Amino acid sequence: MFKAYSNDDDELTIQGDALTIANGTTRVTLSGTLDITRDKRGLKAALALKQALDSVVATLQAQADLPEQIKDEPDAKPGVVDNPFN
């Protein structure tokens, strides 16, 4: 189950890798193209997307001190350091 903003590591992929939802502690990033077809496969994709977005909305609504805007910096991955050879 996708829990929005819970960590910087989770990724949810829908329909193989058609759509990727990357979790972060300050942002959730959606990338790719998803066709939601009028069939069981489309329903499965729509439900997965809905669950992820419901988690995003619920988390945002539950935060009483939600800022107007965060700094425009990507989440830092724990344990990742700059390459000293660059």
PDB file of N, CA and C in Angstrom:
ATOM      1  N   MET A   1       0.837  -1.180   0.000  1.00  0.00           N
ATOM      2  CA  MET A   1       0.000   0.000   0.000  1.00  0.00           C
ATOM      3  C   MET A   1       0.887   1.250   0.000  1.00  0.00           C
ATOM      4  N   PHE A   2       0.621   2.173  -0.889  1.00  0.00           N
ATOM      5  CA  PHE A   2       1.386   3.409  -1.020  1.00  0.00           C
ATOM      6  C   PHE A   2       0.974   4.383   0.076  1.00  0.00           C
ATOM      7  N   LYS A   3       1.942   4.844   0.872  1.00  0.00           N
ATOM      8  CA  LYS A   3       1.687   5.831   1.926  1.00  0.00           C
ATOM      9  C   LYS A   3       2.439   7.106   1.572  1.00  0.00           C
ATOM     10  N   ALA A   4       1.721   8.074   1.086  1.00  0.00           N
ATOM     11  CA  ALA A   4       2.323   9.316   0.599  1.00  0.00           C
ATOM     12  C   ALA A   4       3.128  10.027   1.673  1.00  0.00           C
ATOM     13  N   TYR A   5       4.274  10.544   1.276  1.00  0.00           N
ATOM     14  CA  TYR A   5       5.168  11.354   2.106  1.00  0.00           C
ATOM     15  C   TYR A   5       5.778  10.591   3.280  1.00  0.00           C
ATOM     16  N   SER A   6       5.724   9.274   3.268  1.00  0.00           N
ATOM     17  CA  SER A   6       6.221   8.499   4.409  1.00  0.00           C
ATOM     18  C   SER A   6       7.720   8.243   4.354  1.00  0.00           C
ATOM     19  N   ASN A   7       8.321   8.306   3.173  1.00  0.00           N
ATOM     20  CA  ASN A   7       9.765   8.072   3.043  1.00  0.00           C
ATOM     21  C   ASN A   7      10.239   8.553   1.675  1.00  0.00           C
ATOM     22  N   ASP A   8      11.527   8.438   1.438  1.00  0.00           N
ATOM     23  CA  ASP A   8      12.108   8.869   0.163  1.00  0.00           C
ATOM     24  C   ASP A   8      12.434   7.697  -0.756  1.00  0.00           C
ATOM     25  N   ASP A   9      11.922   6.519  -0.467  1.00  0.00           N
ATOM     26  CA  ASP A   9      12.346   5.328  -1.194  1.00  0.00           C
ATOM     27  C   ASP A   9      11.262   4.641  -2.012  1.00  0.00           C
ATOM     28  N   ASP A  10      10.009   4.718  -1.605  1.00  0.00           N
ATOM     29  CA  ASP A  10       8.954   3.951  -2.261  1.00  0.00           C
ATOM     30  C   ASP A  10       8.657   4.462  -3.661  1.00  0.00           C
ATOM     31  N   GLU A  11       8.442   3.523  -4.558  1.00  0.00           N
ATOM     32  CA  GLU A  11       7.964   3.833  -5.902  1.00  0.00           C
ATOM     33  C   GLU A  11       6.843   2.870  -6.236  1.00  0.00           C
ATOM     34  N   LEU A  12       5.796   3.395  -6.787  1.00  0.00           N
ATOM     35  CA  LEU A  12       4.677   2.593  -7.244  1.00  0.00           C
ATOM     36  C   LEU A  12       4.655   2.681  -8.760  1.00  0.00           C
ATOM     37  N   THR A  13       4.620   1.537  -9.427  1.00  0.00           N
ATOM     38  CA  THR A  13       4.497   1.538 -10.880  1.00  0.00           C
ATOM     39  C   THR A  13       3.140   0.958 -11.242  1.00  0.00           C
ATOM     40  N   ILE A  14       2.541   1.535 -12.260  1.00  0.00           N
ATOM     41  CA  ILE A  14       1.222   1.106 -12.713  1.00  0.00           C
ATOM     42  C   ILE A  14       1.341   0.686 -14.172  1.00  0.00           C
ATOM     43  N   GLN A  15       0.733  -0.433 -14.514  1.00  0.00           N
ATOM     44  CA  GLN A  15       0.794  -1.033 -15.861  1.00  0.00           C
ATOM     45  C   GLN A  15       2.243  -1.179 -16.302  1.00  0.00           C
ATOM     46  N   GLY A  16       2.950  -2.026 -15.595  1.00  0.00           N
ATOM     47  CA  GLY A  16       4.379  -2.198 -15.866  1.00  0.00           C
ATOM     48  C   GLY A  16       5.097  -0.961 -15.387  1.00  0.00           C
ATOM     49  N   ASP A  17       5.649  -0.195 -16.307  1.00  0.00           N
ATOM     50  CA  ASP A  17       6.281   1.063 -15.908  1.00  0.00           C
ATOM     51  C   ASP A  17       5.680   2.244 -16.669  1.00  0.00           C
ATOM     52  N   ALA A  18       4.401   2.113 -17.070  1.00  0.00           N
ATOM     53  CA  ALA A  18       3.736   3.192 -17.813  1.00  0.00           C
ATOM     54  C   ALA A  18       3.662   4.466 -16.980  1.00  0.00           C
ATOM     55  N   LEU A  19       3.349   4.320 -15.694  1.00  0.00           N
ATOM     56  CA  LEU A  19       3.284   5.462 -14.788  1.00  0.00           C
ATOM     57  C   LEU A  19       4.039   5.104 -13.521  1.00  0.00           C
ATOM     58  N   THR A  20       4.905   5.985 -13.102  1.00  0.00           N
ATOM     59  CA  THR A  20       5.658   5.794 -11.867  1.00  0.00           C
ATOM     60  C   THR A  20       5.274   6.890 -10.890  1.00  0.00           C
ATOM     61  N   ILE A  21       4.980   6.488  -9.659  1.00  0.00           N
ATOM     62  CA  ILE A  21       4.701   7.438  -8.589  1.00  0.00           C
ATOM     63  C   ILE A  21       5.823   7.271  -7.575  1.00  0.00           C
ATOM     64  N   ALA A  22       6.671   8.288  -7.478  1.00  0.00           N
ATOM     65  CA  ALA A  22       7.831   8.243  -6.586  1.00  0.00           C
ATOM     66  C   ALA A  22       7.498   8.991  -5.305  1.00  0.00           C
ATOM     67  N   ASN A  23       7.701   8.329  -4.185  1.00  0.00           N
ATOM     68  CA  ASN A  23       7.415   8.903  -2.883  1.00  0.00           C
ATOM     69  C   ASN A  23       8.575   9.761  -2.417  1.00  0.00           C
ATOM     70  N   GLY A  24       8.282  10.753  -1.635  1.00  0.00           N
ATOM     71  CA  GLY A  24       9.286  11.586  -0.999  1.00  0.00           C
ATOM     72  C   GLY A  24       8.685  12.181   0.258  1.00  0.00           C
ATOM     73  N   THR A  25       9.517  12.668   1.157  1.00  0.00           N
ATOM     74  CA  THR A  25       8.994  13.235   2.395  1.00  0.00           C
ATOM     75  C   THR A  25       8.421  14.632   2.193  1.00  0.00           C
ATOM     76  N   THR A  26       8.789  15.301   1.099  1.00  0.00           N
ATOM     77  CA  THR A  26       8.244  16.631   0.830  1.00  0.00           C
ATOM     78  C   THR A  26       7.469  16.716  -0.477  1.00  0.00           C
ATOM     79  N   ARG A  27       7.539  15.681  -1.302  1.00  0.00           N
ATOM     80  CA  ARG A  27       6.819  15.709  -2.578  1.00  0.00           C
ATOM     81  C   ARG A  27       6.589  14.280  -3.084  1.00  0.00           C
ATOM     82  N   VAL A  28       5.542  14.119  -3.853  1.00  0.00           N
ATOM     83  CA  VAL A  28       5.253  12.875  -4.560  1.00  0.00           C
ATOM     84  C   VAL A  28       5.300  13.229  -6.043  1.00  0.00           C
ATOM     85  N   THR A  29       6.080  12.468  -6.817  1.00  0.00           N
ATOM     86  CA  THR A  29       6.287  12.782  -8.225  1.00  0.00           C
ATOM     87  C   THR A  29       5.650  11.713  -9.106  1.00  0.00           C
ATOM     88  N   LEU A  30       4.818  12.146 -10.046  1.00  0.00           N
ATOM     89  CA  LEU A  30       4.211  11.254 -11.029  1.00  0.00           C
ATOM     90  C   LEU A  30       4.911  11.472 -12.355  1.00  0.00           C
ATOM     91  N   SER A  31       5.316  10.375 -12.995  1.00  0.00           N
ATOM     92  CA  SER A  31       5.954  10.497 -14.303  1.00  0.00           C
ATOM     93  C   SER A  31       5.529   9.345 -15.201  1.00  0.00           C
ATOM     94  N   GLY A  32       5.407   9.645 -16.476  1.00  0.00           N
ATOM     95  CA  GLY A  32       5.015   8.631 -17.445  1.00  0.00           C
ATOM     96  C   GLY A  32       3.686   8.968 -18.086  1.00  0.00           C
ATOM     97  N   THR A  33       3.186   8.020 -18.848  1.00  0.00           N
ATOM     98  CA  THR A  33       1.908   8.164 -19.534  1.00  0.00           C
ATOM     99  C   THR A  33       1.088   6.919 -19.255  1.00  0.00           C
ATOM    100  N   LEU A  34      -0.114   7.114 -18.780  1.00  0.00           N
ATOM    101  CA  LEU A  34      -0.973   5.993 -18.424  1.00  0.00           C
ATOM    102  C   LEU A  34      -2.256   6.061 -19.234  1.00  0.00           C
ATOM    103  N   ASP A  35      -2.534   5.004 -19.985  1.00  0.00           N
ATOM    104  CA  ASP A  35      -3.809   4.876 -20.681  1.00  0.00           C
ATOM    105  C   ASP A  35      -4.734   4.052 -19.802  1.00  0.00           C
ATOM    106  N   ILE A  36      -5.844   4.638 -19.401  1.00  0.00           N
ATOM    107  CA  ILE A  36      -6.833   3.910 -18.608  1.00  0.00           C
ATOM    108  C   ILE A  36      -7.918   3.465 -19.576  1.00  0.00           C
ATOM    109  N   THR A  37      -7.804   2.219 -19.977  1.00  0.00           N
ATOM    110  CA  THR A  37      -8.717   1.656 -20.965  1.00  0.00           C
ATOM    111  C   THR A  37     -10.007   1.185 -20.301  1.00  0.00           C
ATOM    112  N   ARG A  38     -11.027   1.027 -21.092  1.00  0.00           N
ATOM    113  CA  ARG A  38     -12.336   0.626 -20.584  1.00  0.00           C
ATOM    114  C   ARG A  38     -12.421  -0.899 -20.532  1.00  0.00           C
ATOM    115  N   ASP A  39     -11.616  -1.470 -19.635  1.00  0.00           N
ATOM    116  CA  ASP A  39     -11.582  -2.917 -19.451  1.00  0.00           C
ATOM    117  C   ASP A  39     -11.039  -3.203 -18.053  1.00  0.00           C
ATOM    118  N   LYS A  40     -10.849  -4.480 -17.728  1.00  0.00           N
ATOM    119  CA  LYS A  40     -10.379  -4.850 -16.390  1.00  0.00           C
ATOM    120  C   LYS A  40      -8.982  -4.311 -16.109  1.00  0.00           C
ATOM    121  N   ARG A  41      -8.150  -4.286 -17.133  1.00  0.00           N
ATOM    122  CA  ARG A  41      -6.796  -3.746 -16.958  1.00  0.00           C
ATOM    123  C   ARG A  41      -6.860  -2.249 -16.632  1.00  0.00           C
ATOM    124  N   GLY A  42      -7.733  -1.539 -17.319  1.00  0.00           N
ATOM    125  CA  GLY A  42      -7.920  -0.116 -17.054  1.00  0.00           C
ATOM    126  C   GLY A  42      -8.466   0.140 -15.663  1.00  0.00           C
ATOM    127  N   LEU A  43      -9.400  -0.695 -15.238  1.00  0.00           N
ATOM    128  CA  LEU A  43      -9.958  -0.571 -13.889  1.00  0.00           C
ATOM    129  C   LEU A  43      -8.874  -0.781 -12.841  1.00  0.00           C
ATOM    130  N   LYS A  44      -8.041  -1.790 -13.046  1.00  0.00           N
ATOM    131  CA  LYS A  44      -6.953  -2.060 -12.101  1.00  0.00           C
ATOM    132  C   LYS A  44      -6.002  -0.861 -12.016  1.00  0.00           C
ATOM    133  N   ALA A  45      -5.676  -0.280 -13.152  1.00  0.00           N
ATOM    134  CA  ALA A  45      -4.788   0.888 -13.178  1.00  0.00           C
ATOM    135  C   ALA A  45      -5.442   2.080 -12.487  1.00  0.00           C
ATOM    136  N   ALA A  46      -6.719   2.307 -12.769  1.00  0.00           N
ATOM    137  CA  ALA A  46      -7.436   3.434 -12.172  1.00  0.00           C
ATOM    138  C   ALA A  46      -7.521   3.298 -10.657  1.00  0.00           C
ATOM    139  N   LEU A  47      -7.762   2.093 -10.181  1.00  0.00           N
ATOM    140  CA  LEU A  47      -7.848   1.874  -8.734  1.00  0.00           C
ATOM    141  C   LEU A  47      -6.497   2.085  -8.053  1.00  0.00           C
ATOM    142  N   ALA A  48      -5.417   1.650  -8.695  1.00  0.00           N
ATOM    143  CA  ALA A  48      -4.078   1.862  -8.131  1.00  0.00           C
ATOM    144  C   ALA A  48      -3.754   3.351  -8.066  1.00  0.00           C
ATOM    145  N   LEU A  49      -4.082   4.072  -9.126  1.00  0.00           N
ATOM    146  CA  LEU A  49      -3.848   5.516  -9.153  1.00  0.00           C
ATOM    147  C   LEU A  49      -4.704   6.218  -8.101  1.00  0.00           C
ATOM    148  N   LYS A  50      -5.953   5.817  -7.984  1.00  0.00           N
ATOM    149  CA  LYS A  50      -6.861   6.407  -6.998  1.00  0.00           C
ATOM    150  C   LYS A  50      -6.343   6.190  -5.589  1.00  0.00           C
ATOM    151  N   GLN A  51      -5.870   4.989  -5.288  1.00  0.00           N
ATOM    152  CA  GLN A  51      -5.356   4.710  -3.943  1.00  0.00           C
ATOM    153  C   GLN A  51      -4.180   5.612  -3.629  1.00  0.00           C
ATOM    154  N   ALA A  52      -3.273   5.777  -4.574  1.00  0.00           N
ATOM    155  CA  ALA A  52      -2.104   6.626  -4.347  1.00  0.00           C
ATOM    156  C   ALA A  52      -2.521   8.081  -4.151  1.00  0.00           C
ATOM    157  N   LEU A  53      -3.410   8.578  -5.000  1.00  0.00           N
ATOM    158  CA  LEU A  53      -3.843   9.974  -4.879  1.00  0.00           C
ATOM    159  C   LEU A  53      -4.701  10.205  -3.644  1.00  0.00           C
ATOM    160  N   ASP A  54      -5.507   9.221  -3.255  1.00  0.00           N
ATOM    161  CA  ASP A  54      -6.265   9.336  -2.006  1.00  0.00           C
ATOM    162  C   ASP A  54      -5.318   9.469  -0.820  1.00  0.00           C
ATOM    163  N   SER A  55      -4.201   8.737  -0.856  1.00  0.00           N
ATOM    164  CA  SER A  55      -3.205   8.828   0.208  1.00  0.00           C
ATOM    165  C   SER A  55      -2.568  10.216   0.239  1.00  0.00           C
ATOM    166  N   VAL A  56      -2.273  10.765  -0.933  1.00  0.00           N
ATOM    167  CA  VAL A  56      -1.703  12.116  -1.019  1.00  0.00           C
ATOM    168  C   VAL A  56      -2.678  13.129  -0.417  1.00  0.00           C
ATOM    169  N   VAL A  57      -3.931  13.090  -0.850  1.00  0.00           N
ATOM    170  CA  VAL A  57      -4.933  14.050  -0.381  1.00  0.00           C
ATOM    171  C   VAL A  57      -5.160  13.916   1.121  1.00  0.00           C
ATOM    172  N   ALA A  58      -5.291  12.698   1.616  1.00  0.00           N
ATOM    173  CA  ALA A  58      -5.530  12.486   3.044  1.00  0.00           C
ATOM    174  C   ALA A  58      -4.373  13.012   3.887  1.00  0.00           C
ATOM    175  N   THR A  59      -3.144  12.767   3.442  1.00  0.00           N
ATOM    176  CA  THR A  59      -1.978  13.241   4.184  1.00  0.00           C
ATOM    177  C   THR A  59      -1.925  14.760   4.197  1.00  0.00           C
ATOM    178  N   LEU A  60      -2.174  15.385   3.061  1.00  0.00           N
ATOM    179  CA  LEU A  60      -2.162  16.850   2.992  1.00  0.00           C
ATOM    180  C   LEU A  60      -3.276  17.461   3.842  1.00  0.00           C
ATOM    181  N   GLN A  61      -4.459  16.884   3.802  1.00  0.00           N
ATOM    182  CA  GLN A  61      -5.577  17.414   4.585  1.00  0.00           C
ATOM    183  C   GLN A  61      -5.361  17.246   6.082  1.00  0.00           C
ATOM    184  N   ALA A  62      -4.623  16.220   6.480  1.00  0.00           N
ATOM    185  CA  ALA A  62      -4.391  15.953   7.901  1.00  0.00           C
ATOM    186  C   ALA A  62      -3.316  16.851   8.507  1.00  0.00           C
ATOM    187  N   GLN A  63      -2.519  17.503   7.680  1.00  0.00           N
ATOM    188  CA  GLN A  63      -1.424  18.338   8.187  1.00  0.00           C
ATOM    189  C   GLN A  63      -1.950  19.738   8.494  1.00  0.00           C
ATOM    190  N   ALA A  64      -2.089  20.046   9.781  1.00  0.00           N
ATOM    191  CA  ALA A  64      -2.646  21.327  10.209  1.00  0.00           C
ATOM    192  C   ALA A  64      -1.755  22.507   9.833  1.00  0.00           C
ATOM    193  N   ASP A  65      -0.447  22.299   9.844  1.00  0.00           N
ATOM    194  CA  ASP A  65       0.495  23.390   9.573  1.00  0.00           C
ATOM    195  C   ASP A  65       1.041  23.332   8.145  1.00  0.00           C
ATOM    196  N   LEU A  66       0.196  22.997   7.210  1.00  0.00           N
ATOM    197  CA  LEU A  66       0.601  22.868   5.810  1.00  0.00           C
ATOM    198  C   LEU A  66       1.070  24.226   5.276  1.00  0.00           C
ATOM    199  N   PRO A  67       2.317  24.303   4.788  1.00  0.00           N
ATOM    200  CA  PRO A  67       2.812  25.592   4.289  1.00  0.00           C
ATOM    201  C   PRO A  67       2.165  25.959   2.950  1.00  0.00           C
ATOM    202  N   GLU A  68       2.248  27.228   2.600  1.00  0.00           N
ATOM    203  CA  GLU A  68       1.750  27.682   1.300  1.00  0.00           C
ATOM    204  C   GLU A  68       2.550  27.052   0.170  1.00  0.00           C
ATOM    205  N   GLN A  69       3.884  26.965   0.363  1.00  0.00           N
ATOM    206  CA  GLN A  69       4.758  26.393  -0.654  1.00  0.00           C
ATOM    207  C   GLN A  69       6.051  25.946   0.016  1.00  0.00           C
ATOM    208  N   ILE A  70       6.595  24.811  -0.439  1.00  0.00           N
ATOM    209  CA  ILE A  70       7.875  24.340   0.076  1.00  0.00           C
ATOM    210  C   ILE A  70       8.994  24.843  -0.819  1.00  0.00           C
ATOM    211  N   LYS A  71      10.226  24.717  -0.329  1.00  0.00           N
ATOM    212  CA  LYS A  71      11.381  25.059  -1.156  1.00  0.00           C
ATOM    213  C   LYS A  71      11.378  24.165  -2.385  1.00  0.00           C
ATOM    214  N   ASP A  72      11.804  24.697  -3.492  1.00  0.00           N
ATOM    215  CA  ASP A  72      11.815  23.940  -4.741  1.00  0.00           C
ATOM    216  C   ASP A  72      13.098  23.134  -4.861  1.00  0.00           C
ATOM    217  N   GLU A  73      13.266  22.188  -3.945  1.00  0.00           N
ATOM    218  CA  GLU A  73      14.431  21.311  -3.941  1.00  0.00           C
ATOM    219  C   GLU A  73      13.937  19.875  -3.851  1.00  0.00           C
ATOM    220  N   PRO A  74      14.527  18.969  -4.606  1.00  0.00           N
ATOM    221  CA  PRO A  74      14.111  17.563  -4.514  1.00  0.00           C
ATOM    222  C   PRO A  74      14.502  16.967  -3.169  1.00  0.00           C
ATOM    223  N   ASP A  75      13.788  15.924  -2.783  1.00  0.00           N
ATOM    224  CA  ASP A  75      14.121  15.211  -1.553  1.00  0.00           C
ATOM    225  C   ASP A  75      15.502  14.597  -1.661  1.00  0.00           C
ATOM    226  N   ALA A  76      16.241  14.618  -0.578  1.00  0.00           N
ATOM    227  CA  ALA A  76      17.570  13.999  -0.546  1.00  0.00           C
ATOM    228  C   ALA A  76      17.422  12.523  -0.229  1.00  0.00           C
ATOM    229  N   LYS A  77      18.132  11.705  -0.946  1.00  0.00           N
ATOM    230  CA  LYS A  77      18.121  10.272  -0.666  1.00  0.00           C
ATOM    231  C   LYS A  77      19.093  10.003   0.482  1.00  0.00           C
ATOM    232  N   PRO A  78      18.650   9.307   1.523  1.00  0.00           N
ATOM    233  CA  PRO A  78      19.549   9.019   2.641  1.00  0.00           C
ATOM    234  C   PRO A  78      20.749   8.194   2.185  1.00  0.00           C
ATOM    235  N   GLY A  79      21.911   8.560   2.646  1.00  0.00           N
ATOM    236  CA  GLY A  79      23.115   7.792   2.360  1.00  0.00           C
ATOM    237  C   GLY A  79      23.755   8.092   1.021  1.00  0.00           C
ATOM    238  N   VAL A  80      23.208   8.990   0.236  1.00  0.00           N
ATOM    239  CA  VAL A  80      23.787   9.322  -1.061  1.00  0.00           C
ATOM    240  C   VAL A  80      24.711  10.522  -0.884  1.00  0.00           C
ATOM    241  N   VAL A  81      25.933  10.389  -1.372  1.00  0.00           N
ATOM    242  CA  VAL A  81      26.909  11.478  -1.271  1.00  0.00           C
ATOM    243  C   VAL A  81      27.344  11.893  -2.669  1.00  0.00           C
ATOM    244  N   ASP A  82      27.858  13.104  -2.781  1.00  0.00           N
ATOM    245  CA  ASP A  82      28.380  13.582  -4.058  1.00  0.00           C
ATOM    246  C   ASP A  82      29.591  12.764  -4.466  1.00  0.00           C
ATOM    247  N   ASN A  83      29.751  12.554  -5.761  1.00  0.00           N
ATOM    248  CA  ASN A  83      30.891  11.823  -6.300  1.00  0.00           C
ATOM    249  C   ASN A  83      32.142  12.687  -6.145  1.00  0.00           C
ATOM    250  N   PRO A  84      33.157  12.226  -5.406  1.00  0.00           N
ATOM    251  CA  PRO A  84      34.351  13.041  -5.178  1.00  0.00           C
ATOM    252  C   PRO A  84      35.236  13.152  -6.419  1.00  0.00           C
ATOM    253  N   PHE A  85      34.960  12.384  -7.469  1.00  0.00           N
ATOM    254  CA  PHE A  85      35.799  12.376  -8.666  1.00  0.00           C
ATOM    255  C   PHE A  85      35.286  13.316  -9.750  1.00  0.00           C
ATOM    256  N   ASN A  86      34.226  14.045  -9.476  1.00  0.00           N
ATOM    257  CA  ASN A  86      33.692  15.005 -10.464  1.00  0.00           C
ATOM    258  C   ASN A  86      34.286  16.364 -10.258  1.00  0.00           C
TER     259      ASN A  86
END
